[in-house]
Amino acid sequence: MPTSNLGGCLVVTTSGVYQCRQILSPEDIFLQLILSYRSHEQAEEFGITYRLDVCGLYQLAAKQELGEGHYAQALKLFELSRVCFKE
């Protein structure tokens, strides 16, 4: 799955100039919210904000959970992805 690259920015204050750069891709943050924190609502809001392929990311997360033997969580994620699954 392709990842997004957000441009950085410079912040100029009276005490210095700071460069802000992306460390994690939005897709990685989405997956962390889903897999680590089980925060589906927050992840969806985040995904919509950054125009991510939320359905595809849910499927990717479900496959990861399935591979780790977390069947109940994988099923829940597959169900969430199926809401907008187009096959």
N, C-alpha and C. Protein backbone atom coordinates (compact mmCIF):
# COMPACT_ATOMS: atom_id res chain seq x y z
N MET A 1 0.85 -1.17 0.00
CA MET A 1 0.00 0.00 0.00
C MET A 1 0.90 1.24 0.00
N PRO A 2 0.65 2.16 -0.91
CA PRO A 2 1.48 3.37 -0.95
C PRO A 2 1.26 4.21 0.30
N THR A 3 2.29 4.94 0.68
CA THR A 3 2.18 5.81 1.84
C THR A 3 2.19 7.27 1.42
N SER A 4 1.60 8.10 2.24
CA SER A 4 1.53 9.53 1.97
C SER A 4 2.78 10.22 2.51
N ASN A 5 3.23 11.21 1.79
CA ASN A 5 4.36 12.00 2.25
C ASN A 5 3.88 13.44 2.41
N LEU A 6 3.77 13.85 3.64
CA LEU A 6 3.32 15.21 3.92
C LEU A 6 4.52 16.14 3.91
N GLY A 7 4.36 17.29 3.32
CA GLY A 7 5.44 18.27 3.32
C GLY A 7 5.67 18.82 4.71
N GLY A 8 6.87 19.18 5.00
CA GLY A 8 7.18 19.77 6.30
C GLY A 8 6.88 21.26 6.29
N CYS A 9 7.23 21.89 7.38
CA CYS A 9 7.04 23.34 7.47
C CYS A 9 8.09 23.93 8.38
N LEU A 10 8.27 25.22 8.28
CA LEU A 10 9.16 25.96 9.16
C LEU A 10 8.31 26.79 10.11
N VAL A 11 8.70 26.81 11.37
CA VAL A 11 8.03 27.63 12.37
C VAL A 11 9.06 28.63 12.87
N VAL A 12 8.78 29.89 12.68
CA VAL A 12 9.70 30.95 13.09
C VAL A 12 9.13 31.63 14.33
N THR A 13 9.92 31.63 15.38
CA THR A 13 9.52 32.31 16.62
C THR A 13 10.62 33.29 17.01
N THR A 14 10.40 34.01 18.06
CA THR A 14 11.42 34.95 18.53
C THR A 14 12.62 34.22 19.12
N SER A 15 12.45 32.95 19.47
CA SER A 15 13.57 32.21 20.06
C SER A 15 14.27 31.28 19.08
N GLY A 16 13.77 31.14 17.86
CA GLY A 16 14.45 30.29 16.90
C GLY A 16 13.59 29.92 15.72
N VAL A 17 14.19 29.15 14.82
CA VAL A 17 13.50 28.62 13.64
C VAL A 17 13.49 27.12 13.78
N TYR A 18 12.31 26.52 13.63
CA TYR A 18 12.14 25.08 13.81
C TYR A 18 11.61 24.47 12.52
N GLN A 19 12.15 23.33 12.16
CA GLN A 19 11.68 22.61 10.99
C GLN A 19 10.86 21.42 11.46
N CYS A 20 9.63 21.33 10.99
CA CYS A 20 8.75 20.21 11.31
C CYS A 20 8.75 19.24 10.14
N ARG A 21 9.03 17.98 10.42
CA ARG A 21 9.07 16.97 9.37
C ARG A 21 8.29 15.75 9.80
N GLN A 22 7.78 15.05 8.83
CA GLN A 22 7.03 13.82 9.06
C GLN A 22 7.98 12.70 9.48
N ILE A 23 7.63 12.00 10.55
CA ILE A 23 8.40 10.83 10.99
C ILE A 23 7.67 9.56 10.56
N LEU A 24 6.38 9.51 10.85
CA LEU A 24 5.55 8.37 10.47
C LEU A 24 4.58 8.80 9.38
N SER A 25 4.26 7.89 8.49
CA SER A 25 3.26 8.20 7.48
C SER A 25 1.87 8.18 8.12
N PRO A 26 0.90 8.88 7.54
CA PRO A 26 -0.46 8.83 8.07
C PRO A 26 -1.01 7.40 8.11
N GLU A 27 -0.61 6.58 7.14
CA GLU A 27 -1.07 5.19 7.12
C GLU A 27 -0.55 4.42 8.33
N ASP A 28 0.71 4.66 8.69
CA ASP A 28 1.29 4.00 9.87
C ASP A 28 0.58 4.44 11.15
N ILE A 29 0.27 5.71 11.24
CA ILE A 29 -0.44 6.21 12.43
C ILE A 29 -1.83 5.59 12.51
N PHE A 30 -2.53 5.51 11.37
CA PHE A 30 -3.85 4.88 11.34
C PHE A 30 -3.76 3.44 11.85
N LEU A 31 -2.79 2.68 11.33
CA LEU A 31 -2.64 1.29 11.75
C LEU A 31 -2.30 1.18 13.23
N GLN A 32 -1.49 2.09 13.74
CA GLN A 32 -1.18 2.08 15.17
C GLN A 32 -2.43 2.33 16.00
N LEU A 33 -3.26 3.27 15.56
CA LEU A 33 -4.50 3.54 16.29
C LEU A 33 -5.39 2.31 16.32
N ILE A 34 -5.46 1.61 15.20
CA ILE A 34 -6.32 0.42 15.12
C ILE A 34 -5.73 -0.75 15.91
N LEU A 35 -4.46 -1.05 15.68
CA LEU A 35 -3.86 -2.26 16.24
C LEU A 35 -3.41 -2.10 17.68
N SER A 36 -2.90 -0.96 18.05
CA SER A 36 -2.35 -0.79 19.40
C SER A 36 -3.39 -0.28 20.39
N TYR A 37 -4.18 0.67 19.96
CA TYR A 37 -5.08 1.34 20.88
C TYR A 37 -6.54 0.93 20.70
N ARG A 38 -6.82 0.17 19.62
CA ARG A 38 -8.19 -0.29 19.34
C ARG A 38 -9.17 0.88 19.27
N SER A 39 -8.70 2.00 18.74
CA SER A 39 -9.50 3.22 18.68
C SER A 39 -10.02 3.40 17.25
N HIS A 40 -11.12 2.74 16.93
CA HIS A 40 -11.64 2.77 15.57
C HIS A 40 -12.23 4.12 15.19
N GLU A 41 -12.94 4.75 16.12
CA GLU A 41 -13.55 6.03 15.82
C GLU A 41 -12.48 7.09 15.55
N GLN A 42 -11.48 7.13 16.41
CA GLN A 42 -10.41 8.11 16.24
C GLN A 42 -9.62 7.82 14.96
N ALA A 43 -9.38 6.55 14.67
CA ALA A 43 -8.65 6.18 13.46
C ALA A 43 -9.43 6.59 12.21
N GLU A 44 -10.73 6.37 12.22
CA GLU A 44 -11.54 6.74 11.06
C GLU A 44 -11.54 8.24 10.84
N GLU A 45 -11.68 9.01 11.90
CA GLU A 45 -11.63 10.47 11.77
C GLU A 45 -10.28 10.90 11.22
N PHE A 46 -9.22 10.31 11.73
CA PHE A 46 -7.87 10.61 11.25
C PHE A 46 -7.73 10.25 9.78
N GLY A 47 -8.21 9.06 9.41
CA GLY A 47 -8.12 8.60 8.02
C GLY A 47 -8.88 9.48 7.06
N ILE A 48 -10.05 9.91 7.46
CA ILE A 48 -10.87 10.78 6.60
C ILE A 48 -10.19 12.14 6.45
N THR A 49 -9.61 12.64 7.54
CA THR A 49 -8.93 13.93 7.49
C THR A 49 -7.80 13.92 6.47
N TYR A 50 -7.05 12.82 6.43
CA TYR A 50 -5.91 12.73 5.51
C TYR A 50 -6.25 12.00 4.21
N ARG A 51 -7.53 11.78 3.97
CA ARG A 51 -8.01 11.15 2.74
C ARG A 51 -7.32 9.82 2.46
N LEU A 52 -7.24 8.99 3.50
CA LEU A 52 -6.61 7.67 3.37
C LEU A 52 -7.62 6.66 2.85
N ASP A 53 -7.12 5.56 2.34
CA ASP A 53 -7.96 4.44 1.92
C ASP A 53 -8.32 3.65 3.19
N VAL A 54 -9.32 4.13 3.90
CA VAL A 54 -9.68 3.56 5.20
C VAL A 54 -10.06 2.08 5.06
N CYS A 55 -10.83 1.75 4.05
CA CYS A 55 -11.24 0.35 3.86
C CYS A 55 -10.02 -0.55 3.63
N GLY A 56 -9.12 -0.09 2.78
CA GLY A 56 -7.91 -0.87 2.51
C GLY A 56 -7.04 -1.02 3.75
N LEU A 57 -6.97 0.03 4.56
CA LEU A 57 -6.18 -0.05 5.79
C LEU A 57 -6.83 -0.97 6.82
N TYR A 58 -8.16 -0.97 6.89
CA TYR A 58 -8.85 -1.92 7.77
C TYR A 58 -8.54 -3.36 7.32
N GLN A 59 -8.55 -3.59 6.02
CA GLN A 59 -8.24 -4.93 5.52
C GLN A 59 -6.81 -5.33 5.84
N LEU A 60 -5.89 -4.40 5.67
CA LEU A 60 -4.49 -4.67 6.00
C LEU A 60 -4.33 -5.00 7.48
N ALA A 61 -4.98 -4.22 8.33
CA ALA A 61 -4.93 -4.47 9.77
C ALA A 61 -5.55 -5.82 10.11
N ALA A 62 -6.65 -6.15 9.45
CA ALA A 62 -7.31 -7.44 9.70
C ALA A 62 -6.40 -8.60 9.32
N LYS A 63 -5.70 -8.47 8.21
CA LYS A 63 -4.77 -9.53 7.79
C LYS A 63 -3.62 -9.68 8.78
N GLN A 64 -3.15 -8.56 9.31
CA GLN A 64 -2.08 -8.62 10.32
C GLN A 64 -2.57 -9.32 11.58
N GLU A 65 -3.77 -8.97 12.03
CA GLU A 65 -4.33 -9.60 13.22
C GLU A 65 -4.57 -11.09 12.98
N LEU A 66 -5.03 -11.43 11.80
CA LEU A 66 -5.26 -12.84 11.46
C LEU A 66 -3.95 -13.61 11.50
N GLY A 67 -2.91 -13.03 10.95
CA GLY A 67 -1.60 -13.67 10.95
C GLY A 67 -1.03 -13.88 12.34
N GLU A 68 -1.43 -13.03 13.29
CA GLU A 68 -0.96 -13.15 14.66
C GLU A 68 -1.89 -14.00 15.52
N GLY A 69 -2.94 -14.54 14.91
CA GLY A 69 -3.85 -15.41 15.64
C GLY A 69 -4.90 -14.70 16.47
N HIS A 70 -5.09 -13.41 16.26
CA HIS A 70 -6.13 -12.65 16.97
C HIS A 70 -7.40 -12.67 16.12
N TYR A 71 -8.08 -13.79 16.15
CA TYR A 71 -9.19 -14.03 15.22
C TYR A 71 -10.39 -13.12 15.45
N ALA A 72 -10.74 -12.88 16.71
CA ALA A 72 -11.91 -12.04 16.99
C ALA A 72 -11.66 -10.60 16.50
N GLN A 73 -10.47 -10.08 16.77
CA GLN A 73 -10.14 -8.72 16.32
C GLN A 73 -10.08 -8.67 14.79
N ALA A 74 -9.52 -9.73 14.17
CA ALA A 74 -9.43 -9.78 12.70
C ALA A 74 -10.83 -9.76 12.10
N LEU A 75 -11.74 -10.53 12.66
CA LEU A 75 -13.11 -10.57 12.15
C LEU A 75 -13.78 -9.20 12.26
N LYS A 76 -13.57 -8.54 13.40
CA LYS A 76 -14.15 -7.20 13.58
C LYS A 76 -13.61 -6.23 12.53
N LEU A 77 -12.31 -6.29 12.27
CA LEU A 77 -11.70 -5.39 11.28
C LEU A 77 -12.17 -5.72 9.87
N PHE A 78 -12.30 -7.02 9.55
CA PHE A 78 -12.83 -7.38 8.24
C PHE A 78 -14.26 -6.87 8.07
N GLU A 79 -15.06 -6.95 9.13
CA GLU A 79 -16.43 -6.43 9.05
C GLU A 79 -16.43 -4.92 8.84
N LEU A 80 -15.53 -4.21 9.52
CA LEU A 80 -15.45 -2.76 9.33
C LEU A 80 -15.02 -2.42 7.91
N SER A 81 -14.14 -3.20 7.32
CA SER A 81 -13.69 -2.92 5.96
C SER A 81 -14.76 -3.28 4.93
N ARG A 82 -15.60 -4.24 5.24
CA ARG A 82 -16.61 -4.71 4.29
C ARG A 82 -17.71 -3.67 4.08
N VAL A 83 -17.87 -2.74 4.99
CA VAL A 83 -18.88 -1.70 4.87
C VAL A 83 -18.71 -0.96 3.53
N CYS A 84 -17.47 -0.74 3.13
CA CYS A 84 -17.25 -0.02 1.87
C CYS A 84 -16.40 -0.87 0.92
N PHE A 85 -16.46 -2.17 1.05
CA PHE A 85 -15.71 -3.09 0.19
C PHE A 85 -16.42 -3.20 -1.14
N LYS A 86 -15.69 -3.05 -2.25
CA LYS A 86 -16.33 -2.95 -3.56
C LYS A 86 -15.97 -4.11 -4.48
N GLU A 87 -16.05 -5.33 -4.02
CA GLU A 87 -15.78 -6.47 -4.92
C GLU A 87 -17.00 -7.35 -5.02
